[in-house]
């Protein structure tokens, strides 16, 4: 098994944080994004989308979606479950994780326009577009704020895959781009600061 990653990337982060929380040791290969290795012929043969992460299983099967990688590993390593322990809790965690995935997608579109850091994705960033997009981001932050109000973690009192997903985009915005992402949502702000103290969250 081998995980192709870009350590600072949002989607790889959700897998990396999950692995750290679970204590799973998977061999890793750090892609040289600056050098364009993720677009190399060799890597495209493994992941035609040219993105990270990719998990190459022991059978040689590439899994090219971060959420699918996490669920695959959760099935392989069911101890200390992070996807729920019964049908109700699993449904809750998956709902929050999918909401978190939507947050990642919307926030990445926003980042492409609010920064100058993604010329390959958005060659003409627009603050007007960014402002509109952030309204869609805020819709999800508002829902998560209500969900987190009485919990230490997003789905309750233990970390789940939902925390890994949502934390990854918070960390990208706050640490890579110094943006006050979620600062207007006090419960999420407290949740982020609490989770950031966990060893799993370190770069």
N, C-alpha and C. Protein backbone atom coordinates (compact mmCIF):
# COMPACT_ATOMS: atom_id res chain seq x y z
N UNK A 1 0.85 -1.18 0.00
CA UNK A 1 0.00 0.00 0.00
C UNK A 1 0.89 1.25 0.00
N UNK A 2 0.46 2.26 -0.78
CA UNK A 2 1.24 3.49 -0.86
C UNK A 2 0.29 4.66 -1.04
N UNK A 3 0.47 5.70 -0.23
CA UNK A 3 -0.33 6.91 -0.34
C UNK A 3 0.49 7.99 -1.04
N UNK A 4 0.01 8.43 -2.19
CA UNK A 4 0.59 9.60 -2.86
C UNK A 4 -0.11 10.82 -2.28
N UNK A 5 0.68 11.76 -1.76
CA UNK A 5 0.09 12.90 -1.07
C UNK A 5 0.81 14.18 -1.45
N UNK A 6 0.15 15.28 -1.15
CA UNK A 6 0.76 16.62 -1.15
C UNK A 6 0.38 17.17 0.22
N UNK A 7 1.34 17.18 1.13
CA UNK A 7 1.05 17.34 2.55
C UNK A 7 0.20 18.57 2.88
N UNK A 8 0.37 19.65 2.14
CA UNK A 8 -0.37 20.88 2.45
C UNK A 8 -1.69 20.99 1.71
N UNK A 9 -1.98 20.06 0.82
CA UNK A 9 -3.22 20.11 0.07
C UNK A 9 -4.42 19.78 0.94
N UNK A 10 -5.55 20.41 0.68
CA UNK A 10 -6.74 20.22 1.51
C UNK A 10 -7.22 18.78 1.48
N UNK A 11 -7.40 18.20 0.31
CA UNK A 11 -7.91 16.83 0.24
C UNK A 11 -6.93 15.80 0.80
N UNK A 12 -5.63 15.92 0.49
CA UNK A 12 -4.70 15.01 1.17
C UNK A 12 -4.71 15.18 2.68
N UNK A 13 -4.93 16.41 3.17
CA UNK A 13 -4.93 16.64 4.62
C UNK A 13 -5.98 15.80 5.33
N UNK A 14 -7.17 15.69 4.72
CA UNK A 14 -8.22 14.93 5.39
C UNK A 14 -7.81 13.47 5.58
N UNK A 15 -7.06 12.92 4.62
CA UNK A 15 -6.57 11.54 4.74
C UNK A 15 -5.43 11.47 5.74
N UNK A 16 -4.52 12.41 5.69
CA UNK A 16 -3.37 12.43 6.59
C UNK A 16 -3.84 12.56 8.05
N UNK A 17 -4.76 13.47 8.30
CA UNK A 17 -5.27 13.66 9.66
C UNK A 17 -6.00 12.40 10.13
N UNK A 18 -6.78 11.80 9.24
CA UNK A 18 -7.46 10.55 9.58
C UNK A 18 -6.45 9.47 9.96
N UNK A 19 -5.42 9.29 9.15
CA UNK A 19 -4.40 8.28 9.45
C UNK A 19 -3.75 8.54 10.81
N UNK A 20 -3.47 9.81 11.09
CA UNK A 20 -2.86 10.16 12.37
C UNK A 20 -3.79 9.86 13.54
N UNK A 21 -5.08 10.18 13.38
CA UNK A 21 -6.05 9.92 14.44
C UNK A 21 -6.19 8.42 14.69
N UNK A 22 -6.18 7.63 13.63
CA UNK A 22 -6.35 6.18 13.76
C UNK A 22 -5.07 5.48 14.17
N UNK A 23 -3.92 6.15 13.99
CA UNK A 23 -2.66 5.49 14.28
C UNK A 23 -2.29 4.45 13.24
N UNK A 24 -2.69 4.69 11.99
CA UNK A 24 -2.39 3.77 10.89
C UNK A 24 -1.12 4.22 10.19
N UNK A 25 -0.20 3.30 10.03
CA UNK A 25 1.07 3.63 9.38
C UNK A 25 1.03 3.13 7.93
N UNK A 26 0.87 4.05 7.00
CA UNK A 26 0.84 3.72 5.58
C UNK A 26 2.03 4.38 4.91
N UNK A 27 2.82 3.65 4.14
CA UNK A 27 3.93 4.29 3.40
C UNK A 27 3.40 5.41 2.53
N UNK A 28 4.17 6.51 2.45
CA UNK A 28 3.70 7.69 1.73
C UNK A 28 4.76 8.20 0.77
N UNK A 29 4.27 8.79 -0.31
CA UNK A 29 5.13 9.44 -1.28
C UNK A 29 4.65 10.87 -1.43
N UNK A 30 5.54 11.84 -1.18
CA UNK A 30 5.19 13.25 -1.29
C UNK A 30 5.41 13.73 -2.72
N UNK A 31 4.30 14.10 -3.37
CA UNK A 31 4.38 14.59 -4.74
C UNK A 31 4.98 16.00 -4.77
N UNK A 32 5.79 16.25 -5.75
CA UNK A 32 6.38 17.57 -5.96
C UNK A 32 5.41 18.40 -6.79
N UNK A 33 4.47 19.05 -6.11
CA UNK A 33 3.47 19.85 -6.82
C UNK A 33 4.12 21.04 -7.51
N UNK A 34 5.07 21.69 -6.86
CA UNK A 34 5.71 22.85 -7.46
C UNK A 34 6.41 22.48 -8.76
N UNK A 35 6.93 21.28 -8.81
CA UNK A 35 7.62 20.81 -10.00
C UNK A 35 6.69 20.14 -11.01
N UNK A 36 5.40 20.09 -10.69
CA UNK A 36 4.43 19.52 -11.62
C UNK A 36 4.40 18.01 -11.68
N UNK A 37 4.93 17.34 -10.65
CA UNK A 37 4.98 15.88 -10.68
C UNK A 37 3.59 15.26 -10.75
N UNK A 38 2.59 15.95 -10.18
CA UNK A 38 1.23 15.41 -10.21
C UNK A 38 0.65 15.38 -11.62
N UNK A 39 1.29 16.08 -12.55
CA UNK A 39 0.85 16.07 -13.95
C UNK A 39 1.80 15.26 -14.84
N UNK A 40 2.73 14.55 -14.23
CA UNK A 40 3.69 13.76 -14.99
C UNK A 40 3.00 12.54 -15.61
N UNK A 41 3.59 12.02 -16.67
CA UNK A 41 3.04 10.84 -17.34
C UNK A 41 2.94 9.66 -16.37
N UNK A 42 3.93 9.53 -15.51
CA UNK A 42 3.95 8.40 -14.59
C UNK A 42 2.79 8.48 -13.59
N UNK A 43 2.56 9.69 -13.05
CA UNK A 43 1.48 9.82 -12.06
C UNK A 43 0.11 9.77 -12.72
N UNK A 44 -0.02 10.36 -13.90
CA UNK A 44 -1.30 10.32 -14.61
C UNK A 44 -1.70 8.88 -14.97
N UNK A 45 -0.73 8.01 -15.11
CA UNK A 45 -1.04 6.60 -15.36
C UNK A 45 -1.69 5.96 -14.14
N UNK A 46 -1.42 6.53 -12.97
CA UNK A 46 -2.02 6.03 -11.73
C UNK A 46 -3.32 6.76 -11.42
N UNK A 47 -3.30 8.08 -11.56
CA UNK A 47 -4.46 8.92 -11.30
C UNK A 47 -4.64 9.86 -12.49
N UNK A 48 -5.52 9.52 -13.44
CA UNK A 48 -5.69 10.35 -14.64
C UNK A 48 -6.15 11.77 -14.35
N UNK A 49 -6.70 12.01 -13.16
CA UNK A 49 -7.11 13.35 -12.79
C UNK A 49 -5.95 14.25 -12.41
N UNK A 50 -4.79 13.66 -12.15
CA UNK A 50 -3.61 14.45 -11.82
C UNK A 50 -3.75 15.21 -10.52
N UNK A 51 -4.40 14.59 -9.54
CA UNK A 51 -4.62 15.25 -8.25
C UNK A 51 -4.15 14.33 -7.13
N UNK A 52 -3.95 14.91 -5.97
CA UNK A 52 -3.65 14.13 -4.77
C UNK A 52 -4.86 14.25 -3.83
N UNK A 53 -5.08 13.20 -3.03
CA UNK A 53 -4.26 12.01 -2.84
C UNK A 53 -4.69 10.86 -3.76
N UNK A 54 -3.83 9.85 -3.82
CA UNK A 54 -4.16 8.56 -4.40
C UNK A 54 -3.63 7.49 -3.47
N UNK A 55 -4.45 6.52 -3.16
CA UNK A 55 -3.99 5.36 -2.39
C UNK A 55 -3.88 4.18 -3.34
N UNK A 56 -2.68 3.65 -3.45
CA UNK A 56 -2.45 2.44 -4.25
C UNK A 56 -2.54 1.26 -3.29
N UNK A 57 -3.56 0.43 -3.45
CA UNK A 57 -3.78 -0.69 -2.53
C UNK A 57 -2.74 -1.78 -2.73
N UNK A 58 -2.74 -2.74 -1.80
CA UNK A 58 -1.81 -3.86 -1.91
C UNK A 58 -2.06 -4.67 -3.19
N UNK A 59 -3.29 -4.58 -3.70
CA UNK A 59 -3.62 -5.29 -4.94
C UNK A 59 -3.28 -4.48 -6.18
N UNK A 60 -2.74 -3.26 -5.96
CA UNK A 60 -2.37 -2.42 -7.09
C UNK A 60 -3.51 -1.60 -7.64
N UNK A 61 -4.61 -1.50 -6.89
CA UNK A 61 -5.77 -0.72 -7.33
C UNK A 61 -5.64 0.72 -6.82
N UNK A 62 -5.69 1.73 -7.68
CA UNK A 62 -5.60 3.11 -7.21
C UNK A 62 -6.98 3.62 -6.77
N UNK A 63 -7.04 4.20 -5.59
CA UNK A 63 -8.24 4.88 -5.10
C UNK A 63 -7.92 6.37 -5.14
N UNK A 64 -8.69 7.13 -5.93
CA UNK A 64 -8.28 8.50 -6.26
C UNK A 64 -9.16 9.57 -5.65
N UNK A 65 -9.98 9.23 -4.68
CA UNK A 65 -10.83 10.21 -4.00
C UNK A 65 -10.56 10.12 -2.50
N UNK A 66 -10.38 11.28 -1.86
CA UNK A 66 -9.99 11.27 -0.45
C UNK A 66 -11.05 10.63 0.44
N UNK A 67 -12.33 10.92 0.19
CA UNK A 67 -13.39 10.31 1.00
C UNK A 67 -13.42 8.80 0.80
N UNK A 68 -13.23 8.35 -0.43
CA UNK A 68 -13.23 6.91 -0.71
C UNK A 68 -12.02 6.24 -0.04
N UNK A 69 -10.89 6.93 -0.02
CA UNK A 69 -9.70 6.39 0.66
C UNK A 69 -9.98 6.19 2.14
N UNK A 70 -10.59 7.19 2.76
CA UNK A 70 -10.89 7.10 4.19
C UNK A 70 -11.85 5.95 4.47
N UNK A 71 -12.88 5.81 3.67
CA UNK A 71 -13.85 4.73 3.90
C UNK A 71 -13.20 3.36 3.65
N UNK A 72 -12.32 3.27 2.67
CA UNK A 72 -11.59 2.02 2.42
C UNK A 72 -10.74 1.64 3.63
N UNK A 73 -10.01 2.62 4.15
CA UNK A 73 -9.15 2.36 5.31
C UNK A 73 -9.99 2.06 6.56
N UNK A 74 -11.13 2.71 6.69
CA UNK A 74 -11.99 2.46 7.84
C UNK A 74 -12.49 1.01 7.81
N UNK A 75 -12.75 0.49 6.61
CA UNK A 75 -13.18 -0.90 6.48
C UNK A 75 -12.04 -1.86 6.81
N UNK A 76 -10.83 -1.49 6.42
CA UNK A 76 -9.66 -2.34 6.71
C UNK A 76 -9.27 -2.30 8.18
N UNK A 77 -9.46 -1.15 8.82
CA UNK A 77 -9.04 -0.95 10.21
C UNK A 77 -10.24 -0.48 11.04
N UNK A 78 -11.15 -1.39 11.37
CA UNK A 78 -12.39 -0.99 12.06
C UNK A 78 -12.21 -0.64 13.54
N UNK A 79 -11.05 -0.93 14.10
CA UNK A 79 -10.82 -0.57 15.50
C UNK A 79 -10.85 0.93 15.69
N UNK A 80 -11.36 1.38 16.84
CA UNK A 80 -11.56 2.81 17.11
C UNK A 80 -12.30 3.46 15.94
N UNK A 81 -13.54 3.08 15.74
CA UNK A 81 -14.28 3.56 14.56
C UNK A 81 -14.42 5.07 14.54
N UNK A 82 -14.26 5.64 13.35
CA UNK A 82 -14.41 7.09 13.17
C UNK A 82 -15.54 7.42 12.19
N UNK A 83 -16.38 6.42 11.92
CA UNK A 83 -17.47 6.62 10.98
C UNK A 83 -18.81 6.27 11.63
N UNK A 84 -18.79 6.17 12.97
CA UNK A 84 -19.99 5.80 13.71
C UNK A 84 -19.94 4.36 14.17
N UNK A 85 -20.74 4.05 15.16
CA UNK A 85 -20.72 2.70 15.75
C UNK A 85 -22.03 1.95 15.56
N UNK A 86 -23.06 2.60 15.05
CA UNK A 86 -24.34 1.95 14.76
C UNK A 86 -24.98 2.69 13.60
N UNK A 87 -26.14 2.20 13.18
CA UNK A 87 -26.76 2.75 11.97
C UNK A 87 -27.09 4.23 12.12
N UNK A 88 -27.50 4.65 13.31
CA UNK A 88 -27.87 6.05 13.51
C UNK A 88 -26.63 6.94 13.51
N UNK A 89 -25.61 6.56 14.28
CA UNK A 89 -24.40 7.39 14.35
C UNK A 89 -23.66 7.41 13.02
N UNK A 90 -23.68 6.28 12.30
CA UNK A 90 -23.03 6.27 10.98
C UNK A 90 -23.74 7.22 10.01
N UNK A 91 -25.06 7.24 10.08
CA UNK A 91 -25.81 8.16 9.22
C UNK A 91 -25.49 9.60 9.55
N UNK A 92 -25.38 9.91 10.84
CA UNK A 92 -25.06 11.28 11.27
C UNK A 92 -23.66 11.68 10.80
N UNK A 93 -22.70 10.80 11.01
CA UNK A 93 -21.32 11.11 10.62
C UNK A 93 -21.21 11.28 9.11
N UNK A 94 -21.84 10.38 8.36
CA UNK A 94 -21.76 10.49 6.90
C UNK A 94 -22.44 11.77 6.41
N UNK A 95 -23.55 12.14 7.03
CA UNK A 95 -24.23 13.38 6.63
C UNK A 95 -23.32 14.59 6.84
N UNK A 96 -22.66 14.63 8.00
CA UNK A 96 -21.76 15.74 8.30
C UNK A 96 -20.52 15.71 7.40
N UNK A 97 -20.04 14.50 7.11
CA UNK A 97 -18.86 14.38 6.26
C UNK A 97 -19.17 14.85 4.84
N UNK A 98 -20.35 14.53 4.36
CA UNK A 98 -20.75 14.98 3.03
C UNK A 98 -20.98 16.49 3.00
N UNK A 99 -21.51 17.01 4.08
CA UNK A 99 -21.65 18.47 4.20
C UNK A 99 -20.27 19.11 4.18
N UNK A 100 -19.32 18.47 4.88
CA UNK A 100 -17.95 18.96 4.89
C UNK A 100 -17.32 18.92 3.51
N UNK A 101 -17.62 17.88 2.75
CA UNK A 101 -17.09 17.79 1.38
C UNK A 101 -17.64 18.93 0.53
N UNK A 102 -18.93 19.23 0.67
CA UNK A 102 -19.50 20.38 -0.04
C UNK A 102 -18.80 21.68 0.37
N UNK A 103 -18.49 21.79 1.67
CA UNK A 103 -17.79 22.98 2.16
C UNK A 103 -16.43 23.10 1.50
N UNK A 104 -15.72 21.99 1.38
CA UNK A 104 -14.40 22.00 0.74
C UNK A 104 -14.51 22.49 -0.69
N UNK A 105 -15.46 21.95 -1.44
CA UNK A 105 -15.60 22.32 -2.84
C UNK A 105 -15.94 23.80 -2.99
N UNK A 106 -16.92 24.27 -2.23
CA UNK A 106 -17.31 25.68 -2.33
C UNK A 106 -16.17 26.60 -1.89
N UNK A 107 -15.48 26.20 -0.84
CA UNK A 107 -14.40 27.03 -0.32
C UNK A 107 -13.22 27.09 -1.26
N UNK A 108 -12.95 25.98 -1.95
CA UNK A 108 -11.86 26.00 -2.92
C UNK A 108 -12.16 26.95 -4.07
N UNK A 109 -13.41 26.95 -4.55
CA UNK A 109 -13.79 27.90 -5.59
C UNK A 109 -13.62 29.33 -5.09
N UNK A 110 -13.98 29.56 -3.84
CA UNK A 110 -13.80 30.88 -3.23
C UNK A 110 -12.33 31.26 -3.16
N UNK A 111 -11.50 30.31 -2.72
CA UNK A 111 -10.07 30.57 -2.61
C UNK A 111 -9.45 30.92 -3.96
N UNK A 112 -9.91 30.26 -5.03
CA UNK A 112 -9.38 30.55 -6.36
C UNK A 112 -9.60 32.01 -6.74
N UNK A 113 -10.65 32.61 -6.16
CA UNK A 113 -10.99 33.99 -6.52
C UNK A 113 -10.55 35.02 -5.50
N UNK A 114 -10.38 34.62 -4.25
CA UNK A 114 -10.00 35.59 -3.22
C UNK A 114 -8.49 35.71 -3.07
N UNK A 115 -7.75 34.78 -3.70
CA UNK A 115 -6.29 34.83 -3.68
C UNK A 115 -5.77 34.81 -5.12
N UNK A 116 -4.48 35.03 -5.26
CA UNK A 116 -3.82 34.96 -6.58
C UNK A 116 -3.00 33.68 -6.70
N UNK A 117 -3.32 32.68 -5.88
CA UNK A 117 -2.45 31.52 -5.72
C UNK A 117 -2.80 30.34 -6.62
N UNK A 118 -3.86 30.46 -7.42
CA UNK A 118 -4.29 29.31 -8.23
C UNK A 118 -4.49 29.71 -9.69
N UNK A 119 -3.45 30.24 -10.34
CA UNK A 119 -3.62 30.71 -11.71
C UNK A 119 -4.02 29.61 -12.68
N UNK A 120 -3.64 28.38 -12.41
CA UNK A 120 -4.02 27.27 -13.29
C UNK A 120 -5.51 26.97 -13.19
N UNK A 121 -6.08 27.23 -12.01
CA UNK A 121 -7.51 26.99 -11.80
C UNK A 121 -8.34 28.21 -12.16
N UNK A 122 -7.85 29.39 -11.78
CA UNK A 122 -8.58 30.63 -12.03
C UNK A 122 -7.60 31.71 -12.45
N UNK A 123 -7.39 31.86 -13.77
CA UNK A 123 -6.40 32.85 -14.24
C UNK A 123 -6.83 34.29 -14.02
N UNK A 124 -8.12 34.53 -13.78
CA UNK A 124 -8.61 35.90 -13.58
C UNK A 124 -9.45 35.98 -12.32
N UNK A 125 -8.80 35.93 -11.15
CA UNK A 125 -9.56 35.98 -9.89
C UNK A 125 -10.42 37.24 -9.81
N UNK A 126 -11.58 37.09 -9.21
CA UNK A 126 -12.52 38.21 -9.10
C UNK A 126 -13.05 38.29 -7.67
N UNK A 127 -12.82 39.43 -7.03
CA UNK A 127 -13.34 39.62 -5.67
C UNK A 127 -14.87 39.66 -5.67
N UNK A 128 -15.44 40.13 -6.77
CA UNK A 128 -16.90 40.13 -6.86
C UNK A 128 -17.44 38.70 -6.87
N UNK A 129 -16.80 37.85 -7.63
CA UNK A 129 -17.19 36.44 -7.65
C UNK A 129 -16.92 35.81 -6.29
N UNK A 130 -15.78 36.15 -5.68
CA UNK A 130 -15.44 35.61 -4.36
C UNK A 130 -16.51 35.96 -3.33
N UNK A 131 -16.98 37.19 -3.35
CA UNK A 131 -18.02 37.61 -2.40
C UNK A 131 -19.29 36.78 -2.58
N UNK A 132 -19.67 36.54 -3.82
CA UNK A 132 -20.86 35.74 -4.08
C UNK A 132 -20.66 34.30 -3.61
N UNK A 133 -19.51 33.75 -3.93
CA UNK A 133 -19.22 32.38 -3.54
C UNK A 133 -19.20 32.22 -2.02
N UNK A 134 -18.72 33.25 -1.32
CA UNK A 134 -18.62 33.12 0.13
C UNK A 134 -20.01 33.04 0.77
N UNK A 135 -21.02 33.56 0.09
CA UNK A 135 -22.38 33.37 0.59
C UNK A 135 -22.76 31.91 0.62
N UNK A 136 -22.32 31.15 -0.39
CA UNK A 136 -22.59 29.72 -0.43
C UNK A 136 -21.76 28.97 0.62
N UNK A 137 -20.56 29.46 0.87
CA UNK A 137 -19.73 28.89 1.94
C UNK A 137 -20.39 29.11 3.29
N UNK A 138 -20.88 30.31 3.50
CA UNK A 138 -21.49 30.67 4.78
C UNK A 138 -22.72 29.82 5.07
N UNK A 139 -23.48 29.46 4.04
CA UNK A 139 -24.65 28.59 4.24
C UNK A 139 -24.26 27.32 4.99
N UNK A 140 -23.14 26.72 4.59
CA UNK A 140 -22.71 25.48 5.23
C UNK A 140 -22.11 25.75 6.60
N UNK A 141 -21.33 26.82 6.72
CA UNK A 141 -20.77 27.17 8.03
C UNK A 141 -21.89 27.39 9.05
N UNK A 142 -22.99 27.99 8.63
CA UNK A 142 -24.12 28.24 9.54
C UNK A 142 -24.71 26.92 10.04
N UNK A 143 -24.85 25.95 9.15
CA UNK A 143 -25.39 24.65 9.55
C UNK A 143 -24.43 23.95 10.51
N UNK A 144 -23.15 23.96 10.20
CA UNK A 144 -22.16 23.32 11.07
C UNK A 144 -22.08 24.01 12.42
N UNK A 145 -22.26 25.31 12.44
CA UNK A 145 -22.25 26.05 13.70
C UNK A 145 -23.35 25.54 14.62
N UNK A 146 -24.54 25.33 14.10
CA UNK A 146 -25.64 24.81 14.92
C UNK A 146 -25.39 23.38 15.35
N UNK A 147 -24.79 22.60 14.48
CA UNK A 147 -24.52 21.19 14.79
C UNK A 147 -23.48 21.05 15.90
N UNK A 148 -22.50 21.94 15.88
CA UNK A 148 -21.36 21.83 16.79
C UNK A 148 -21.63 22.44 18.16
N UNK A 149 -22.70 23.18 18.28
CA UNK A 149 -22.94 24.00 19.47
C UNK A 149 -22.73 23.28 20.79
N UNK A 150 -23.25 22.06 20.91
CA UNK A 150 -23.19 21.36 22.19
C UNK A 150 -22.18 20.22 22.20
N UNK A 151 -21.32 20.14 21.19
CA UNK A 151 -20.39 19.03 21.06
C UNK A 151 -18.94 19.48 21.13
N UNK A 152 -18.10 18.59 21.59
CA UNK A 152 -16.66 18.85 21.52
C UNK A 152 -16.16 18.71 20.09
N UNK A 153 -16.74 17.73 19.38
CA UNK A 153 -16.39 17.50 17.98
C UNK A 153 -17.66 17.65 17.14
N UNK A 154 -17.55 17.56 15.84
CA UNK A 154 -18.69 17.87 14.98
C UNK A 154 -19.87 16.93 15.20
N UNK A 155 -19.58 15.65 15.41
CA UNK A 155 -20.66 14.66 15.51
C UNK A 155 -20.91 14.20 16.94
N UNK A 156 -20.22 14.77 17.91
CA UNK A 156 -20.40 14.33 19.29
C UNK A 156 -19.16 14.59 20.11
N UNK A 157 -18.84 13.65 20.97
CA UNK A 157 -17.73 13.83 21.91
C UNK A 157 -16.46 13.07 21.52
N UNK A 158 -16.45 12.49 20.32
CA UNK A 158 -15.25 11.83 19.82
C UNK A 158 -15.02 12.28 18.38
N UNK A 159 -13.78 12.34 17.93
CA UNK A 159 -13.51 12.76 16.55
C UNK A 159 -13.98 11.73 15.54
N UNK A 160 -14.43 12.21 14.39
CA UNK A 160 -14.88 11.33 13.32
C UNK A 160 -14.30 11.81 12.00
N UNK A 161 -14.63 11.09 10.93
CA UNK A 161 -14.16 11.49 9.62
C UNK A 161 -14.70 12.87 9.24
N UNK A 162 -15.82 13.27 9.82
CA UNK A 162 -16.36 14.61 9.54
C UNK A 162 -15.40 15.69 10.02
N UNK A 163 -14.80 15.50 11.20
CA UNK A 163 -13.83 16.46 11.71
C UNK A 163 -12.62 16.55 10.78
N UNK A 164 -12.15 15.41 10.29
CA UNK A 164 -10.99 15.40 9.41
C UNK A 164 -11.26 16.21 8.15
N UNK A 165 -12.47 16.06 7.60
CA UNK A 165 -12.82 16.74 6.36
C UNK A 165 -12.94 18.24 6.57
N UNK A 166 -13.73 18.65 7.56
CA UNK A 166 -13.98 20.07 7.78
C UNK A 166 -12.72 20.77 8.26
N UNK A 167 -11.96 20.11 9.14
CA UNK A 167 -10.75 20.74 9.64
C UNK A 167 -9.77 21.03 8.51
N UNK A 168 -9.71 20.16 7.53
CA UNK A 168 -8.72 20.33 6.46
C UNK A 168 -8.91 21.64 5.71
N UNK A 169 -10.15 22.04 5.44
CA UNK A 169 -10.36 23.30 4.72
C UNK A 169 -10.18 24.49 5.65
N UNK A 170 -10.54 24.36 6.92
CA UNK A 170 -10.26 25.42 7.89
C UNK A 170 -8.75 25.66 7.97
N UNK A 171 -7.98 24.58 8.05
CA UNK A 171 -6.54 24.72 8.19
C UNK A 171 -5.93 25.34 6.93
N UNK A 172 -6.41 24.94 5.76
CA UNK A 172 -5.93 25.54 4.52
C UNK A 172 -6.15 27.04 4.52
N UNK A 173 -7.37 27.44 4.84
CA UNK A 173 -7.69 28.88 4.78
C UNK A 173 -6.95 29.67 5.84
N UNK A 174 -6.89 29.13 7.04
CA UNK A 174 -6.31 29.89 8.15
C UNK A 174 -4.78 29.87 8.14
N UNK A 175 -4.19 28.72 7.84
CA UNK A 175 -2.74 28.60 7.98
C UNK A 175 -1.98 28.83 6.68
N UNK A 176 -2.52 28.36 5.57
CA UNK A 176 -1.82 28.56 4.30
C UNK A 176 -2.06 29.96 3.74
N UNK A 177 -3.28 30.49 3.99
CA UNK A 177 -3.63 31.76 3.35
C UNK A 177 -3.98 32.87 4.35
N UNK A 178 -3.84 32.59 5.63
CA UNK A 178 -4.02 33.60 6.67
C UNK A 178 -5.37 34.32 6.54
N UNK A 179 -6.43 33.54 6.31
CA UNK A 179 -7.77 34.08 6.18
C UNK A 179 -8.58 33.70 7.41
N UNK A 180 -9.41 34.62 7.88
CA UNK A 180 -10.18 34.40 9.12
C UNK A 180 -11.41 33.55 8.82
N UNK A 181 -11.17 32.38 8.31
CA UNK A 181 -12.24 31.48 7.88
C UNK A 181 -13.00 30.94 9.08
N UNK A 182 -14.31 31.17 9.13
CA UNK A 182 -15.12 30.68 10.24
C UNK A 182 -15.00 31.47 11.52
N UNK A 183 -14.29 32.59 11.50
CA UNK A 183 -14.09 33.37 12.71
C UNK A 183 -15.38 33.99 13.23
N UNK A 184 -16.36 34.17 12.34
CA UNK A 184 -17.66 34.73 12.75
C UNK A 184 -18.61 33.67 13.30
N UNK A 185 -18.12 32.46 13.42
CA UNK A 185 -18.92 31.34 13.95
C UNK A 185 -18.24 30.85 15.22
N UNK A 186 -18.66 31.34 16.38
CA UNK A 186 -17.90 31.09 17.62
C UNK A 186 -17.75 29.61 17.98
N UNK A 187 -18.77 28.80 17.74
CA UNK A 187 -18.65 27.37 18.08
C UNK A 187 -17.64 26.69 17.17
N UNK A 188 -17.68 27.00 15.88
CA UNK A 188 -16.71 26.43 14.95
C UNK A 188 -15.31 26.95 15.22
N UNK A 189 -15.21 28.22 15.59
CA UNK A 189 -13.90 28.79 15.92
C UNK A 189 -13.29 28.05 17.11
N UNK A 190 -14.10 27.80 18.14
CA UNK A 190 -13.62 27.07 19.32
C UNK A 190 -13.28 25.64 18.95
N UNK A 191 -14.12 25.02 18.12
CA UNK A 191 -13.85 23.64 17.68
C UNK A 191 -12.53 23.57 16.93
N UNK A 192 -12.30 24.52 16.02
CA UNK A 192 -11.05 24.52 15.25
C UNK A 192 -9.84 24.65 16.18
N UNK A 193 -9.89 25.60 17.09
CA UNK A 193 -8.75 25.83 17.98
C UNK A 193 -8.49 24.61 18.86
N UNK A 194 -9.55 23.94 19.28
CA UNK A 194 -9.41 22.74 20.09
C UNK A 194 -8.78 21.61 19.26
N UNK A 195 -9.30 21.40 18.06
CA UNK A 195 -8.79 20.31 17.23
C UNK A 195 -7.35 20.59 16.79
N UNK A 196 -7.02 21.85 16.61
CA UNK A 196 -5.66 22.20 16.18
C UNK A 196 -4.62 21.79 17.20
N UNK A 197 -5.03 21.61 18.46
CA UNK A 197 -4.09 21.19 19.49
C UNK A 197 -3.79 19.69 19.43
N UNK A 198 -4.56 18.96 18.67
CA UNK A 198 -4.35 17.51 18.56
C UNK A 198 -3.10 17.23 17.73
N UNK A 199 -2.30 16.25 18.13
CA UNK A 199 -1.08 15.93 17.35
C UNK A 199 -1.39 15.60 15.89
N UNK A 200 -2.57 15.07 15.64
CA UNK A 200 -2.93 14.68 14.27
C UNK A 200 -2.99 15.86 13.32
N UNK A 201 -3.16 17.07 13.86
CA UNK A 201 -3.36 18.25 13.02
C UNK A 201 -2.06 18.91 12.60
N UNK A 202 -0.94 18.49 13.16
CA UNK A 202 0.34 19.14 12.83
C UNK A 202 0.74 18.83 11.39
N UNK A 203 1.34 19.82 10.76
CA UNK A 203 1.91 19.60 9.42
C UNK A 203 3.18 18.77 9.56
